[in-house]
C-alpha atoms as a PDB file:
ATOM      1  CA  ARG A   1     114.357 -29.983  18.220  1.00  0.00           C
ATOM      2  CA  ALA A   2     117.378 -32.241  18.240  1.00  0.00           C
ATOM      3  CA  GLY A   3     119.828 -31.705  21.055  1.00  0.00           C
ATOM      4  CA  VAL A   4     117.364 -30.226  23.559  1.00  0.00           C
ATOM      5  CA  GLU A   5     118.740 -30.801  27.030  1.00  0.00           C
ATOM      6  CA  GLN A   6     115.450 -30.135  28.755  1.00  0.00           C
ATOM      7  CA  PRO A   7     112.146 -29.280  27.069  1.00  0.00           C
ATOM      8  CA  LEU A   8     110.482 -26.069  28.236  1.00  0.00           C
ATOM      9  CA  ARG A   9     106.863 -26.396  29.475  1.00  0.00           C
ATOM     10  CA  LEU A  10     104.682 -23.283  29.631  1.00  0.00           C
ATOM     11  CA  GLN A  11     101.074 -22.709  30.640  1.00  0.00           C
ATOM     12  CA  VAL A  12      99.223 -19.787  29.060  1.00  0.00           C
ATOM     13  CA  SER A  13      97.763 -17.865  31.973  1.00  0.00           C
ATOM     14  CA  SER A  14      96.166 -14.805  30.364  1.00  0.00           C
ATOM     15  CA  PRO A  15      96.008 -12.577  27.334  1.00  0.00           C
ATOM     16  CA  ARG A  16      98.382  -9.619  27.464  1.00  0.00           C
ATOM     17  CA  CYS A  17      96.745  -6.228  27.795  1.00  0.00           C
ATOM     18  CA  PRO A  18      98.629  -3.573  25.822  1.00  0.00           C
ATOM     19  CA  CYS A  19      99.548  -0.232  27.360  1.00  0.00           C
ATOM     20  CA  MET A  20      98.885   3.109  25.700  1.00  0.00           C
ATOM     21  CA  LYS A  21     102.400   3.212  24.207  1.00  0.00           C
ATOM     22  CA  VAL A  22     101.209   1.071  21.305  1.00  0.00           C
ATOM     23  CA  ASP A  23      98.725   3.781  20.269  1.00  0.00           C
ATOM     24  CA  LYS A  24     101.408   6.456  20.550  1.00  0.00           C
ATOM     25  CA  ARG A  25     103.870   4.455  18.475  1.00  0.00           C
ATOM     26  CA  LEU A  26     101.345   3.536  15.779  1.00  0.00           C
ATOM     27  CA  GLY A  27      99.953   6.962  14.994  1.00  0.00           C
ATOM     28  CA  LYS A  28      98.265   8.191  18.183  1.00  0.00           C
ATOM     29  CA  THR A  29      95.157   6.061  17.676  1.00  0.00           C
ATOM     30  CA  TYR A  30      93.610   6.879  21.086  1.00  0.00           C
ATOM     31  CA  THR A  31      90.034   5.817  20.250  1.00  0.00           C
ATOM     32  CA  LYS A  32      87.843   2.793  20.870  1.00  0.00           C
ATOM     33  CA  ASP A  33      88.852   1.677  17.367  1.00  0.00           C
ATOM     34  CA  GLY A  34      92.566   2.312  17.928  1.00  0.00           C
ATOM     35  CA  VAL A  35      95.243  -0.360  17.869  1.00  0.00           C
ATOM     36  CA  ARG A  36      95.470  -0.770  21.668  1.00  0.00           C
ATOM     37  CA  ALA A  37      91.693  -0.902  22.125  1.00  0.00           C
ATOM     38  CA  VAL A  38      91.205  -3.489  19.387  1.00  0.00           C
ATOM     39  CA  CYS A  39      94.102  -5.629  20.637  1.00  0.00           C
ATOM     40  CA  ALA A  40      92.839  -5.493  24.248  1.00  0.00           C
ATOM     41  CA  SER A  41      89.240  -6.372  23.464  1.00  0.00           C
ATOM     42  CA  ALA A  42      90.110  -9.134  20.971  1.00  0.00           C
ATOM     43  CA  GLY A  43      93.019 -10.750  22.830  1.00  0.00           C
ATOM     44  CA  LEU A  44      95.475  -9.967  20.022  1.00  0.00           C
ATOM     45  CA  ALA A  45      98.297  -8.431  22.071  1.00  0.00           C
ATOM     46  CA  GLY A  46     100.073 -11.646  22.962  1.00  0.00           C
ATOM     47  CA  PHE A  47      99.861 -13.682  26.138  1.00  0.00           C
ATOM     48  CA  PHE A  48     101.473 -14.300  29.477  1.00  0.00           C
ATOM     49  CA  ALA A  49     102.681 -17.763  30.351  1.00  0.00           C
ATOM     50  CA  ARG A  50     103.636 -19.506  33.558  1.00  0.00           C
ATOM     51  CA  VAL A  51     106.796 -21.624  33.448  1.00  0.00           C
ATOM     52  CA  LEU A  52     105.836 -25.154  34.520  1.00  0.00           C
ATOM     53  CA  GLN A  53     109.213 -26.686  33.732  1.00  0.00           C
ATOM     54  CA  ASN A  54     112.441 -24.809  33.100  1.00  0.00           C
ATOM     55  CA  GLY A  55     113.929 -25.644  29.768  1.00  0.00           C
ATOM     56  CA  ASP A  56     115.838 -24.609  26.706  1.00  0.00           C
ATOM     57  CA  LEU A  57     114.486 -22.056  24.232  1.00  0.00           C
ATOM     58  CA  GLN A  58     116.193 -20.611  21.195  1.00  0.00           C
ATOM     59  CA  ASP A  59     115.485 -18.760  18.002  1.00  0.00           C
ATOM     60  CA  GLY A  60     113.375 -20.846  15.615  1.00  0.00           C
ATOM     61  CA  ASP A  61     111.813 -23.074  18.273  1.00  0.00           C
ATOM     62  CA  GLN A  62     108.107 -23.712  17.884  1.00  0.00           C
ATOM     63  CA  LEU A  63     105.641 -23.915  20.745  1.00  0.00           C
ATOM     64  CA  ARG A  64     103.244 -26.864  20.607  1.00  0.00           C
ATOM     65  CA  LEU A  65      99.857 -27.075  22.336  1.00  0.00           C
ATOM     66  CA  THR A  66      99.765 -30.160  24.556  1.00  0.00           C
ATOM     67  CA  ALA A  67      96.655 -29.503  26.661  1.00  0.00           C
ATOM     68  CA  ARG A  68      93.637 -27.214  26.663  1.00  0.00           C
ATOM     69  CA  PRO A  69      91.980 -27.615  30.093  1.00  0.00           C
ATOM     70  CA  HIS A  70      89.293 -24.963  29.415  1.00  0.00           C
ATOM     71  CA  PRO A  71      88.582 -25.116  25.660  1.00  0.00           C
ATOM     72  CA  SER A  72      85.615 -22.737  25.753  1.00  0.00           C
ATOM     73  CA  TRP A  73      87.753 -20.014  27.358  1.00  0.00           C
ATOM     74  CA  THR A  74      89.881 -18.708  24.499  1.00  0.00           C
ATOM     75  CA  LEU A  75      92.126 -15.651  24.899  1.00  0.00           C
ATOM     76  CA  GLY A  76      89.784 -13.738  22.603  1.00  0.00           C
ATOM     77  CA  ARG A  77      86.682 -14.613  24.626  1.00  0.00           C
ATOM     78  CA  VAL A  78      88.304 -13.701  27.942  1.00  0.00           C
ATOM     79  CA  SER A  79      89.475 -10.361  26.513  1.00  0.00           C
ATOM     80  CA  GLN A  80      86.130  -9.550  24.912  1.00  0.00           C
ATOM     81  CA  LEU A  81      84.181 -10.143  28.124  1.00  0.00           C
ATOM     82  CA  LEU A  82      86.467  -8.074  30.328  1.00  0.00           C
ATOM     83  CA  TYR A  83      87.698  -5.348  27.949  1.00  0.00           C
ATOM     84  CA  GLY A  84      85.061  -5.375  25.182  1.00  0.00           C
ATOM     85  CA  HIS A  85      82.934  -2.528  26.514  1.00  0.00           C
ATOM     86  CA  PRO A  86      83.891   0.775  24.814  1.00  0.00           C
ATOM     87  CA  THR A  87      84.213   2.616  28.140  1.00  0.00           C
ATOM     88  CA  ALA A  88      86.313  -0.129  29.738  1.00  0.00           C
ATOM     89  CA  VAL A  89      88.720  -0.403  26.824  1.00  0.00           C
ATOM     90  CA  MET A  90      89.288   3.350  26.788  1.00  0.00           C
ATOM     91  CA  ASN A  91      89.812   3.716  30.546  1.00  0.00           C
ATOM     92  CA  TYR A  92      91.383   0.525  31.897  1.00  0.00           C
ATOM     93  CA  ALA A  93      95.000   1.722  31.644  1.00  0.00           C
ATOM     94  CA  HIS A  94      94.437   4.931  33.607  1.00  0.00           C
ATOM     95  CA  ARG A  95      92.194   3.211  36.164  1.00  0.00           C
ATOM     96  CA  ALA A  96      94.738   0.399  36.647  1.00  0.00           C
ATOM     97  CA  MET A  97      97.504   2.896  37.443  1.00  0.00           C
ATOM     98  CA  THR A  98      95.252   4.613  39.985  1.00  0.00           C
ATOM     99  CA  ALA A  99      94.357   1.237  41.518  1.00  0.00           C
ATOM    100  CA  MET A 100      98.071   0.446  41.901  1.00  0.00           C
ATOM    101  CA  LYS A 101      98.388   3.542  44.078  1.00  0.00           C
ATOM    102  CA  ASP A 102      95.190   3.435  46.110  1.00  0.00           C
ATOM    103  CA  GLY A 103      94.206  -0.252  46.056  1.00  0.00           C
ATOM    104  CA  VAL A 104      90.508   0.527  45.647  1.00  0.00           C
ATOM    105  CA  THR A 105      89.848   2.159  42.275  1.00  0.00           C
ATOM    106  CA  GLU A 106      87.919  -0.211  40.044  1.00  0.00           C
ATOM    107  CA  THR A 107      89.674  -0.911  36.769  1.00  0.00           C
ATOM    108  CA  ILE A 108      86.598  -2.476  35.164  1.00  0.00           C
ATOM    109  CA  PHE A 109      83.121  -1.512  36.379  1.00  0.00           C
ATOM    110  CA  ARG A 110      80.446  -4.176  36.817  1.00  0.00           C
ATOM    111  CA  SER A 111      78.314  -2.404  34.198  1.00  0.00           C
ATOM    112  CA  GLU A 112      81.184  -2.855  31.702  1.00  0.00           C
ATOM    113  CA  TRP A 113      81.364  -6.664  32.069  1.00  0.00           C
ATOM    114  CA  MET A 114      80.216  -8.032  28.705  1.00  0.00           C
ATOM    115  CA  GLY A 115      79.101 -11.474  29.873  1.00  0.00           C
ATOM    116  CA  THR A 116      76.595 -13.140  32.151  1.00  0.00           C
ATOM    117  CA  GLU A 117      76.868 -13.592  35.897  1.00  0.00           C
ATOM    118  CA  ALA A 118      77.489 -17.314  35.324  1.00  0.00           C
ATOM    119  CA  GLU A 119      80.381 -16.538  32.937  1.00  0.00           C
ATOM    120  CA  LEU A 120      81.871 -14.109  35.440  1.00  0.00           C
ATOM    121  CA  ASN A 121      81.797 -16.716  38.210  1.00  0.00           C
ATOM    122  CA  GLU A 122      83.119 -19.485  35.948  1.00  0.00           C
ATOM    123  CA  LEU A 123      86.019 -17.375  34.672  1.00  0.00           C
ATOM    124  CA  ALA A 124      86.963 -16.188  38.177  1.00  0.00           C
ATOM    125  CA  ALA A 125      87.119 -19.828  39.315  1.00  0.00           C
ATOM    126  CA  ILE A 126      89.645 -20.936  36.653  1.00  0.00           C
ATOM    127  CA  PRO A 127      92.817 -21.628  38.666  1.00  0.00           C
ATOM    128  CA  GLU A 128      95.179 -21.146  35.709  1.00  0.00           C
ATOM    129  CA  LEU A 129      94.052 -17.555  35.032  1.00  0.00           C
ATOM    130  CA  ALA A 130      96.686 -14.981  36.003  1.00  0.00           C
ATOM    131  CA  VAL A 131      96.007 -12.625  38.900  1.00  0.00           C
ATOM    132  CA  PRO A 132      97.426  -9.389  37.365  1.00  0.00           C
ATOM    133  CA  GLU A 133      94.953  -7.603  35.081  1.00  0.00           C
ATOM    134  CA  TRP A 134      92.559 -10.546  35.084  1.00  0.00           C
ATOM    135  CA  LYS A 135      91.645 -12.505  38.208  1.00  0.00           C
ATOM    136  CA  GLU A 136      92.167  -9.451  40.444  1.00  0.00           C
ATOM    137  CA  TYR A 137      89.595  -7.529  38.361  1.00  0.00           C
ATOM    138  CA  LEU A 138      87.138 -10.455  38.376  1.00  0.00           C
ATOM    139  CA  HIS A 139      87.400 -10.757  42.170  1.00  0.00           C
ATOM    140  CA  LYS A 140      86.728  -7.025  42.458  1.00  0.00           C
ATOM    141  CA  LEU A 141      83.656  -7.320  40.201  1.00  0.00           C
ATOM    142  CA  LEU A 142      82.340 -10.207  42.311  1.00  0.00           C
ATOM    143  CA  GLU A 143      83.171  -8.374  45.562  1.00  0.00           C
ATOM    144  CA  LEU A 144      85.369 -11.271  46.716  1.00  0.00           C
ATOM    145  CA  SER A 145      88.330 -10.785  49.034  1.00  0.00           C
ATOM    146  CA  GLY A 146      91.012  -8.621  47.455  1.00  0.00           C
ATOM    147  CA  ILE A 147      93.916 -10.089  45.535  1.00  0.00           C
ATOM    148  CA  GLY A 148      96.699  -8.519  43.467  1.00  0.00           C
ATOM    149  CA  ARG A 149      96.489  -4.736  43.536  1.00  0.00           C
ATOM    150  CA  TYR A 150      93.322  -5.020  45.643  1.00  0.00           C
ATOM    151  CA  ARG A 151      94.819  -7.034  48.486  1.00  0.00           C
ATOM    152  CA  PRO A 152      94.400  -5.523  51.955  1.00  0.00           C
ATOM    153  CA  ARG A 153      97.133  -3.079  52.921  1.00  0.00           C
ATOM    154  CA  THR A 154      98.397  -2.433  56.416  1.00  0.00           C
ATOM    155  CA  SER A 155      99.262   1.215  55.799  1.00  0.00           C
ATOM    156  CA  GLU A 156      99.918   3.563  52.915  1.00  0.00           C
ATOM    157  CA  ARG A 157     103.613   3.831  53.827  1.00  0.00           C
ATOM    158  CA  SER A 158     104.202   0.077  53.976  1.00  0.00           C
ATOM    159  CA  VAL A 159     103.098  -0.715  50.416  1.00  0.00           C
ATOM    160  CA  ASN A 160     105.387  -0.196  47.485  1.00  0.00           C
ATOM    161  CA  PRO A 161     103.252  -0.442  44.299  1.00  0.00           C
ATOM    162  CA  ILE A 162     106.230  -1.807  42.343  1.00  0.00           C
ATOM    163  CA  ALA A 163     106.769  -4.555  44.927  1.00  0.00           C
ATOM    164  CA  LEU A 164     103.040  -5.326  44.824  1.00  0.00           C
ATOM    165  CA  VAL A 165     103.257  -5.913  41.064  1.00  0.00           C
ATOM    166  CA  ALA A 166     106.320  -8.127  41.491  1.00  0.00           C
ATOM    167  CA  VAL A 167     104.507 -10.220  44.108  1.00  0.00           C
ATOM    168  CA  ALA A 168     101.368 -10.400  41.974  1.00  0.00           C
ATOM    169  CA  LEU A 169     103.295 -11.457  38.868  1.00  0.00           C
ATOM    170  CA  GLY A 170     105.038 -14.343  40.611  1.00  0.00           C
ATOM    171  CA  ALA A 171     106.338 -16.773  38.008  1.00  0.00           C
ATOM    172  CA  LEU A 172     104.628 -15.150  35.030  1.00  0.00           C
ATOM    173  CA  VAL A 173     106.847 -14.462  32.093  1.00  0.00           C
ATOM    174  CA  LEU A 174     106.167 -13.063  28.673  1.00  0.00           C
ATOM    175  CA  VAL A 175     107.818 -15.327  26.153  1.00  0.00           C
ATOM    176  CA  ARG A 176     108.929 -13.865  22.865  1.00  0.00           C
ATOM    177  CA  VAL A 177     110.680 -16.093  20.396  1.00  0.00           C
ATOM    178  CA  ALA A 178     112.579 -13.507  18.392  1.00  0.00           C
ATOM    179  CA  ALA A 179     115.750 -13.368  16.376  1.00  0.00           C
ATOM    180  CA  GLY A 180     118.786 -13.841  18.559  1.00  0.00           C
ATOM    181  CA  LEU A 181     116.888 -15.124  21.606  1.00  0.00           C
ATOM    182  CA  ALA A 182     118.625 -18.102  23.131  1.00  0.00           C
ATOM    183  CA  ARG A 183     118.327 -18.539  26.868  1.00  0.00           C
ATOM    184  CA  ARG A 184     116.987 -20.820  29.558  1.00  0.00           C
ATOM    185  CA  ALA A 185     113.421 -19.627  30.271  1.00  0.00           C
ATOM    186  CA  GLY A 186     112.344 -19.496  33.895  1.00  0.00           C
ATOM    187  CA  SER A 187     115.891 -19.184  35.208  1.00  0.00           C
END
């Protein structure tokens, strides 16, 4: 776009996992075939991005793909492997909330992983993958040291679940280019 002071650079870090509010808003479709379940398992609920370079963003701007470091790992494939199992897709939201409180409840069970052991290890090793809702669950499945909501806690009183989410999210931002949006992303 002409007149851009500084181009914005983003890195897609994970698919977005929808909460149950989408089912409530779109007709109470609380089934494995409901809107939320389909969006979660197919990677159709948007994405989270990491800001690599602050820049200008305004209504009408188009995002352009400049690199694809892991071409075989599409948002749809990642979502299908982690949330594709009917039990996982129906229970992840409730389990995730419990895990935020206790730091141990599994959000996705090993038996619900839809891929191979090699795929699980390969996906967990991708450095660009976001910790919240993705890498933290993969580490739990692989019984690696805890990260995100599963990081070791010193005491129940010293951990604020909201602060834990803020720390886990780091520089992740959800970018929506919508009517009237004109701001410096990452600021």
